[in-house]
């Protein structure tokens, strides 16, 4: 009796597709390793081994993991606060003419202000502690979320709203089934941009009266010319940024099953 053997020698296409985007990252790491160990780069640029050793030094100092935890907490809290403010503001500005008139210009002015310009005012208003840092991140997150939500609401298909009115659907149903679902793709886009801005804002706020955090380590390593720790902080930001993008991708696949994420 003949039996058909599965083609176990060939990896599944899904695994190959999942690994292919990481090929460029592996290539960059290989170039970094070869260049720094062959001394073809300036002497001040550390090798991957030196960066790994600096991570061990910070860990033995008791600073590495508390700093990563503090930075994640600040970004997470600031992101949540930014979402709480941006979601109703964006929906109101996108769905109401009066809301647009009163909210749109101030929101655009707020998102145009650089983080450094807000820091002194926030220190006076909320103090120099965690409140200032979280507020600064929330302000940065607010801008991209607001713009994408406002445009998402305004781009909802008017025929769907006419159809809902024709069948006398109540406002709660229209809001939940049409408006919210129609703006979810725009919200996810705004969330991606908001997370990027949150990590940028973190660098600014952690250089002010901080005893931990990635930005604190970065500022301290600059003061003592520790390029290995500087590169370690840059790598940490890159890894956390990729992790944030991955989490948003998972959330997008869960809430938007009809949309194919790249």
Foldseek 3Di string as FASTA:
>chain_A
DDDDDDPPVDDDPVVVVVCVVCPVVVVVLVCQQVCQVVVVDDPLADGPVLLVVVLVVCVVVVANVVQVVVLVVLLVLLLVLLCVVQQVLLLQLQPDVVSVVPRVVVLVVLLPDDLVVCQVVLCVVPNLDSVSLSPSLSSNLNNLQSVLSSVQQNPFDVVVVVVCVVVPPDPVCCCVVGRVLSSVVSNLVSSLSSSVSSLVSNLVSCVGPHPGHLNVQLVVCVVVVVNSSVVSSVVVSVVVSVVSVVVSVVVCCVSPVVDDDD
